[in-house]
């Protein structure tokens, strides 16, 4: 029986993100979820012992094999306890857990999204049920067979997403290049993201100096895995609000000169102050902005808009003339996408 729900929810790469096995919140939450479902002993040992994941034969007699209901409310009730237990196991300081409206990706895939607030950021995470049988985590779990681990299967090819730049409040964030540039590039990044830092060193200057590109940077702090990412985002955006011309120098300092992961909260203030002195930025005004977290609404709104379209991504995320791309993109990659989009735009439309 297909899931009988109308939906605008796009398949668009969700399995690619789920199967990526990165250090995102999705991985850690569902790692805890798998341990919770399996009883937390044998499964955890098997996972730790195998670099390619747990053995497909691992099962837990503690979990009932009762038939799985097609009713979304029943599924939500079934999964909520183990999700909350997973969050507790990972010591994620969440609040305001709530289910969002269930959505059918297609006849075989049901998405059960939920939201939580971690720190100051609202995060949306989905649970996917495939063919009324499989719970999509990392890896797949068969919910009809004691949550047994399913052998690895290749994910389907993701469908590319298109998000117009007008979806975001572009004037709220720092940009380079002329406003009427023929191409638009948006980067969602995090100063503690290693791929973002590499991109900053290797590609950003080429993009910023290309007059055909309107490049906009939007902070997307990964607060659950990078403890100082939100502080860094608020700091650099406060700099932008007080002295826009100084933003890129500060942004590059954060990406290229300092590794924030081993710095405690008390150590951030003198680092930020030193950067401001070097750049001639009015320190008291920026500090007041930081203390009041003034940029947070803009950062959160942009992040919520992104996740509402593509789920919870790992940084960096690029929007290249509307095409959503995750991970590292070279300057040549970006130019190639521009060329492809220009070619599409020049082709005559047929009825």
Protein backbone atom coordinates (compact mmCIF):
# COMPACT_ATOMS: atom_id res chain seq x y z
CA UNK A 1 0.00 0.00 0.00
CA UNK A 2 1.51 3.38 -0.92
CA UNK A 3 1.76 6.19 1.58
CA UNK A 4 -1.29 8.28 0.80
CA UNK A 5 -0.02 11.79 1.37
CA UNK A 6 0.28 14.66 -1.05
CA UNK A 7 3.65 16.33 -0.79
CA UNK A 8 6.03 18.82 -2.32
CA UNK A 9 8.88 17.15 -0.43
CA UNK A 10 11.69 16.37 -2.87
CA UNK A 11 13.79 13.19 -2.79
CA UNK A 12 16.70 15.42 -3.88
CA UNK A 13 19.73 13.94 -2.30
CA UNK A 14 18.46 13.01 1.13
CA UNK A 15 19.88 9.50 0.88
CA UNK A 16 23.20 10.92 -0.25
CA UNK A 17 23.32 12.96 2.94
CA UNK A 18 22.14 10.07 5.12
CA UNK A 19 24.67 7.64 3.66
CA UNK A 20 27.55 10.12 3.71
CA UNK A 21 28.60 9.04 7.23
CA UNK A 22 30.03 12.43 8.08
CA UNK A 23 30.19 13.94 11.55
CA UNK A 24 26.90 15.77 11.19
CA UNK A 25 24.16 15.73 13.79
CA UNK A 26 22.24 13.26 11.63
CA UNK A 27 25.00 10.66 11.97
CA UNK A 28 25.49 11.06 15.71
CA UNK A 29 21.79 11.18 16.54
CA UNK A 30 21.06 8.08 14.50
CA UNK A 31 24.16 6.30 15.76
CA UNK A 32 22.66 6.71 19.22
CA UNK A 33 19.28 5.75 17.79
CA UNK A 34 20.65 2.46 16.48
CA UNK A 35 22.29 1.70 19.82
CA UNK A 36 19.03 2.54 21.59
CA UNK A 37 16.97 0.30 19.34
CA UNK A 38 19.39 -2.60 19.66
CA UNK A 39 19.66 -2.49 23.43
CA UNK A 40 22.93 -0.60 23.46
CA UNK A 41 25.34 -3.47 24.06
CA UNK A 42 26.13 -5.98 21.30
CA UNK A 43 25.29 -3.55 18.53
CA UNK A 44 27.58 -0.88 19.89
CA UNK A 45 30.45 -3.34 20.17
CA UNK A 46 29.91 -4.55 16.65
CA UNK A 47 29.90 -1.00 15.34
CA UNK A 48 33.10 -0.12 17.13
CA UNK A 49 34.80 -3.26 15.89
CA UNK A 50 34.01 -2.79 12.22
CA UNK A 51 35.19 0.22 10.19
CA UNK A 52 32.59 -0.51 7.53
CA UNK A 53 29.70 -0.61 9.97
CA UNK A 54 27.99 -3.28 12.05
CA UNK A 55 27.42 -6.84 10.96
CA UNK A 56 24.18 -7.47 9.06
CA UNK A 57 23.43 -10.39 11.36
CA UNK A 58 23.18 -8.33 14.54
CA UNK A 59 19.69 -8.48 16.04
CA UNK A 60 18.13 -7.71 19.38
CA UNK A 61 15.51 -9.97 20.94
CA UNK A 62 14.40 -7.06 23.12
CA UNK A 63 12.56 -5.31 20.28
CA UNK A 64 9.07 -6.43 19.34
CA UNK A 65 8.48 -7.61 15.77
CA UNK A 66 4.86 -6.45 15.77
CA UNK A 67 3.50 -5.39 12.39
CA UNK A 68 4.39 -1.84 11.43
CA UNK A 69 1.44 0.52 11.13
CA UNK A 70 1.03 2.77 8.10
CA UNK A 71 -0.41 5.48 10.31
CA UNK A 72 2.12 8.35 10.64
CA UNK A 73 0.92 9.17 14.15
CA UNK A 74 1.57 5.59 15.26
CA UNK A 75 5.02 5.65 13.68
CA UNK A 76 5.83 8.97 15.36
CA UNK A 77 4.76 7.56 18.72
CA UNK A 78 6.86 4.46 18.13
CA UNK A 79 10.00 6.37 17.25
CA UNK A 80 9.81 9.35 19.62
CA UNK A 81 11.06 7.52 22.68
CA UNK A 82 14.12 6.09 20.97
CA UNK A 83 14.90 9.43 19.29
CA UNK A 84 14.80 11.25 22.61
CA UNK A 85 16.87 8.48 24.18
CA UNK A 86 19.37 8.86 21.34
CA UNK A 87 19.66 12.59 21.94
CA UNK A 88 20.24 11.94 25.63
CA UNK A 89 22.89 9.29 24.89
CA UNK A 90 24.76 11.75 22.67
CA UNK A 91 24.40 14.43 25.38
CA UNK A 92 22.94 16.85 22.87
CA UNK A 93 21.43 19.75 24.85
CA UNK A 94 18.17 20.02 22.96
CA UNK A 95 14.79 21.52 23.80
CA UNK A 96 11.35 21.86 22.21
CA UNK A 97 11.19 18.53 20.38
CA UNK A 98 8.19 18.50 18.06
CA UNK A 99 7.00 16.48 15.09
CA UNK A 100 6.37 18.31 11.84
CA UNK A 101 3.82 17.32 9.23
CA UNK A 102 4.58 13.92 7.69
CA UNK A 103 5.31 14.04 3.98
CA UNK A 104 5.40 11.38 1.28
CA UNK A 105 8.52 11.63 -0.85
CA UNK A 106 6.85 9.21 -3.26
CA UNK A 107 4.70 6.10 -2.99
CA UNK A 108 7.48 4.17 -1.28
CA UNK A 109 9.12 6.72 1.00
CA UNK A 110 7.55 8.48 3.96
CA UNK A 111 9.37 11.31 5.71
CA UNK A 112 8.65 11.97 9.38
CA UNK A 113 10.47 15.24 10.11
CA UNK A 114 10.91 16.62 13.58
CA UNK A 115 12.45 19.78 14.94
CA UNK A 116 14.56 20.51 17.98
CA UNK A 117 16.35 23.58 19.24
CA UNK A 118 20.05 23.15 20.03
CA UNK A 119 21.66 26.21 21.54
CA UNK A 120 20.13 29.10 19.66
CA UNK A 121 19.46 27.24 16.41
CA UNK A 122 16.38 25.36 15.31
CA UNK A 123 17.31 22.14 13.56
CA UNK A 124 15.08 19.92 11.45
CA UNK A 125 15.86 16.21 11.17
CA UNK A 126 13.92 13.58 9.23
CA UNK A 127 13.20 9.94 9.86
CA UNK A 128 12.50 8.08 6.61
CA UNK A 129 10.48 4.90 6.22
CA UNK A 130 11.04 3.08 2.91
CA UNK A 131 8.61 0.48 1.55
CA UNK A 132 6.87 0.29 4.95
CA UNK A 133 9.88 -1.62 6.17
CA UNK A 134 13.18 0.23 6.41
CA UNK A 135 14.11 2.96 8.83
CA UNK A 136 16.68 5.16 7.08
CA UNK A 137 19.56 5.90 9.42
CA UNK A 138 23.22 5.11 8.95
CA UNK A 139 22.94 2.29 7.89
CA UNK A 140 19.42 1.06 7.08
CA UNK A 141 17.55 -0.77 9.82
CA UNK A 142 14.76 -3.25 9.08
CA UNK A 143 11.94 -2.31 11.46
CA UNK A 144 10.07 -5.56 10.70
CA UNK A 145 13.04 -7.73 11.75
CA UNK A 146 14.03 -6.59 15.23
CA UNK A 147 15.74 -3.52 13.73
CA UNK A 148 18.33 -5.74 12.08
CA UNK A 149 20.99 -3.98 10.09
CA UNK A 150 20.49 -4.25 6.33
CA UNK A 151 23.60 -4.94 4.21
CA UNK A 152 24.89 -1.85 2.47
CA UNK A 153 23.03 -0.87 -0.68
CA UNK A 154 24.03 1.83 -3.14
CA UNK A 155 21.96 5.00 -2.67
CA UNK A 156 19.97 6.28 -5.62
CA UNK A 157 21.42 9.14 -7.63
CA UNK A 158 20.24 12.39 -6.04
CA UNK A 159 18.01 14.72 -7.98
CA UNK A 160 19.59 18.15 -8.22
CA UNK A 161 17.87 20.93 -6.31
CA UNK A 162 17.17 24.40 -7.55
CA UNK A 163 16.81 27.29 -5.10
CA UNK A 164 16.73 30.83 -6.52
CA UNK A 165 19.02 33.30 -4.75
CA UNK A 166 15.95 35.47 -4.17
CA UNK A 167 14.81 32.85 -1.65
CA UNK A 168 17.26 34.38 0.83
CA UNK A 169 17.60 37.92 2.15
CA UNK A 170 20.80 38.55 0.26
CA UNK A 171 21.17 42.13 1.45
CA UNK A 172 21.66 40.88 5.01
CA UNK A 173 24.94 39.13 4.20
CA UNK A 174 28.37 40.11 2.83
CA UNK A 175 28.90 39.93 -0.91
CA UNK A 176 31.55 40.58 -3.53
CA UNK A 177 31.12 41.44 -7.19
CA UNK A 178 28.63 43.77 -8.85
CA UNK A 179 24.95 43.51 -8.01
CA UNK A 180 24.11 42.98 -11.69
CA UNK A 181 26.71 40.26 -12.24
CA UNK A 182 25.51 37.56 -14.66
CA UNK A 183 26.17 34.76 -12.16
CA UNK A 184 25.31 34.20 -8.50
CA UNK A 185 27.18 32.06 -5.99
CA UNK A 186 26.02 31.61 -2.40
CA UNK A 187 28.12 29.75 0.14
CA UNK A 188 26.76 28.43 3.44
CA UNK A 189 29.84 27.84 5.58
CA UNK A 190 31.19 27.26 9.06
CA UNK A 191 34.56 28.54 10.35
CA UNK A 192 35.28 25.19 11.99
CA UNK A 193 34.45 23.17 8.87
CA UNK A 194 37.70 21.83 7.41
CA UNK A 195 36.35 21.75 3.85
CA UNK A 196 35.13 25.35 4.20
CA UNK A 197 38.56 26.44 5.41
CA UNK A 198 40.25 24.71 2.50
CA UNK A 199 37.84 26.37 0.06
CA UNK A 200 38.60 29.74 1.63
CA UNK A 201 42.33 29.22 1.06
CA UNK A 202 42.15 27.78 -2.43
CA UNK A 203 39.11 29.18 -4.21
CA UNK A 204 37.59 32.21 -2.49
CA UNK A 205 40.03 34.81 -3.83
CA UNK A 206 39.46 33.61 -7.40
CA UNK A 207 35.71 33.89 -6.97
CA UNK A 208 35.90 37.28 -5.23
CA UNK A 209 38.05 38.75 -7.99
CA UNK A 210 35.77 37.51 -10.79
CA UNK A 211 33.51 40.41 -11.82
CA UNK A 212 31.06 38.01 -13.46
CA UNK A 213 30.15 36.52 -10.07
CA UNK A 214 28.03 37.97 -7.30
CA UNK A 215 29.38 35.95 -4.36
CA UNK A 216 27.51 35.95 -1.04
CA UNK A 217 28.64 34.29 2.18
CA UNK A 218 26.01 33.13 4.69
CA UNK A 219 27.14 31.61 8.01
CA UNK A 220 25.69 28.18 8.69
CA UNK A 221 27.16 27.21 12.08
CA UNK A 222 27.10 23.48 12.84
CA UNK A 223 26.43 24.05 16.51
CA UNK A 224 26.12 20.41 17.52
CA UNK A 225 29.58 19.40 16.33
CA UNK A 226 31.50 22.69 16.38
CA UNK A 227 31.24 24.31 19.76
CA UNK A 228 32.56 27.72 18.73
CA UNK A 229 30.94 27.98 15.30
CA UNK A 230 27.96 30.07 16.42
CA UNK A 231 30.19 32.49 18.36
CA UNK A 232 32.41 32.91 15.30
CA UNK A 233 29.41 33.48 13.04
CA UNK A 234 27.92 36.12 15.34
CA UNK A 235 31.31 37.82 15.70
CA UNK A 236 32.02 38.12 11.99
CA UNK A 237 28.46 39.21 11.23
CA UNK A 238 28.69 41.88 13.95
CA UNK A 239 31.87 43.07 12.25
CA UNK A 240 29.95 43.20 8.98
CA UNK A 241 27.15 45.26 10.54
CA UNK A 242 29.56 47.80 12.05
CA UNK A 243 32.20 47.93 9.31
CA UNK A 244 31.22 45.99 6.17
CA UNK A 245 34.54 46.63 4.42
CA UNK A 246 36.37 44.75 7.19
CA UNK A 247 34.29 41.58 6.96
CA UNK A 248 36.40 39.65 4.46
CA UNK A 249 39.65 40.31 6.32
CA UNK A 250 38.09 39.02 9.55
CA UNK A 251 36.47 36.07 7.78
CA UNK A 252 39.81 35.07 6.27
CA UNK A 253 41.54 35.43 9.65
CA UNK A 254 39.04 33.02 11.19
CA UNK A 255 39.39 30.53 8.34
CA UNK A 256 43.14 30.72 7.79
CA UNK A 257 44.90 31.83 10.95
CA UNK A 258 43.14 30.27 13.91
CA UNK A 259 41.69 26.85 14.67
CA UNK A 260 38.79 27.40 17.04
CA UNK A 261 38.09 23.79 17.96
CA UNK A 262 40.47 23.68 20.95
CA UNK A 263 39.67 27.13 22.32
CA UNK A 264 37.30 27.51 25.25
CA UNK A 265 34.69 30.28 25.43
CA UNK A 266 36.90 32.48 27.60
CA UNK A 267 39.65 32.31 25.01
CA UNK A 268 37.49 33.57 22.17
CA UNK A 269 37.10 37.14 23.41
CA UNK A 270 40.81 38.12 23.30
CA UNK A 271 41.18 36.49 19.87
CA UNK A 272 38.24 38.43 18.49
CA UNK A 273 39.47 41.63 20.15
CA UNK A 274 42.91 41.22 18.60
CA UNK A 275 41.42 40.81 15.13
CA UNK A 276 39.33 43.95 15.62
CA UNK A 277 42.30 46.04 16.73
CA UNK A 278 44.29 44.93 13.66
CA UNK A 279 41.40 45.81 11.35
CA UNK A 280 40.60 49.14 13.02
CA UNK A 281 37.09 48.06 14.01
CA UNK A 282 35.19 49.84 16.82
CA UNK A 283 35.54 47.17 19.48
CA UNK A 284 32.90 48.44 21.99
CA UNK A 285 30.19 48.59 19.31
CA UNK A 286 30.98 45.14 17.97
CA UNK A 287 31.14 43.70 21.50
CA UNK A 288 27.70 45.14 22.26
CA UNK A 289 26.41 43.52 19.07
CA UNK A 290 27.94 40.20 20.14
CA UNK A 291 26.53 40.42 23.66
CA UNK A 292 23.05 40.96 22.24
CA UNK A 293 23.46 38.34 19.46
CA UNK A 294 22.00 40.82 16.99
CA UNK A 295 22.86 38.85 13.82
CA UNK A 296 21.28 35.65 15.15
CA UNK A 297 17.78 36.17 13.66
CA UNK A 298 19.23 36.67 10.17
CA UNK A 299 21.55 33.67 10.51
CA UNK A 300 18.77 31.46 11.87
CA UNK A 301 16.27 32.52 9.22
CA UNK A 302 18.69 31.76 6.39
CA UNK A 303 19.56 28.39 7.95
CA UNK A 304 15.91 27.48 8.48
CA UNK A 305 15.13 28.42 4.87
CA UNK A 306 17.95 26.20 3.61
CA UNK A 307 16.94 23.20 5.75
CA UNK A 308 13.29 23.58 4.73
CA UNK A 309 14.40 22.97 1.14
CA UNK A 310 17.09 20.30 1.49
CA UNK A 311 16.97 18.94 5.04
CA UNK A 312 20.00 19.16 7.29
CA UNK A 313 23.14 19.52 5.17
CA UNK A 314 26.81 19.32 6.01
CA UNK A 315 28.87 22.37 5.20
CA UNK A 316 29.81 23.73 2.81
CA UNK A 317 26.68 24.12 0.72
CA UNK A 318 26.85 26.17 -2.48
CA UNK A 319 24.01 27.57 -4.54
CA UNK A 320 25.46 28.10 -8.01
CA UNK A 321 23.05 30.03 -10.23
CA UNK A 322 20.31 28.32 -8.26
CA UNK A 323 21.78 24.80 -8.35
CA UNK A 324 22.44 23.37 -4.87
CA UNK A 325 25.78 21.61 -4.52
CA UNK A 326 27.31 20.15 -1.36
CA UNK A 327 30.98 19.73 -0.59
CA UNK A 328 34.11 21.20 -2.08
CA UNK A 329 33.82 22.95 -5.45
CA UNK A 330 36.88 24.12 -7.33
CA UNK A 331 36.84 27.36 -9.31
CA UNK A 332 36.67 25.28 -12.50
CA UNK A 333 33.71 23.31 -11.10
CA UNK A 334 31.86 26.55 -10.42
CA UNK A 335 32.58 27.98 -13.86
CA UNK A 336 31.43 24.74 -15.48
CA UNK A 337 28.10 24.90 -13.64
CA UNK A 338 27.69 28.53 -14.71
CA UNK A 339 28.27 27.49 -18.32
CA UNK A 340 25.74 24.67 -18.05
CA UNK A 341 23.10 26.96 -16.56
CA UNK A 342 23.76 29.60 -19.22
CA UNK A 343 23.36 26.97 -21.91
CA UNK A 344 20.04 25.83 -20.43
CA UNK A 345 18.80 29.42 -20.29
CA UNK A 346 19.68 29.99 -23.96
CA UNK A 347 17.83 26.94 -25.20
CA UNK A 348 14.36 27.66 -26.65
CA UNK A 349 11.49 26.43 -24.56
CA UNK A 350 9.20 23.83 -26.09
CA UNK A 351 5.59 23.21 -25.22
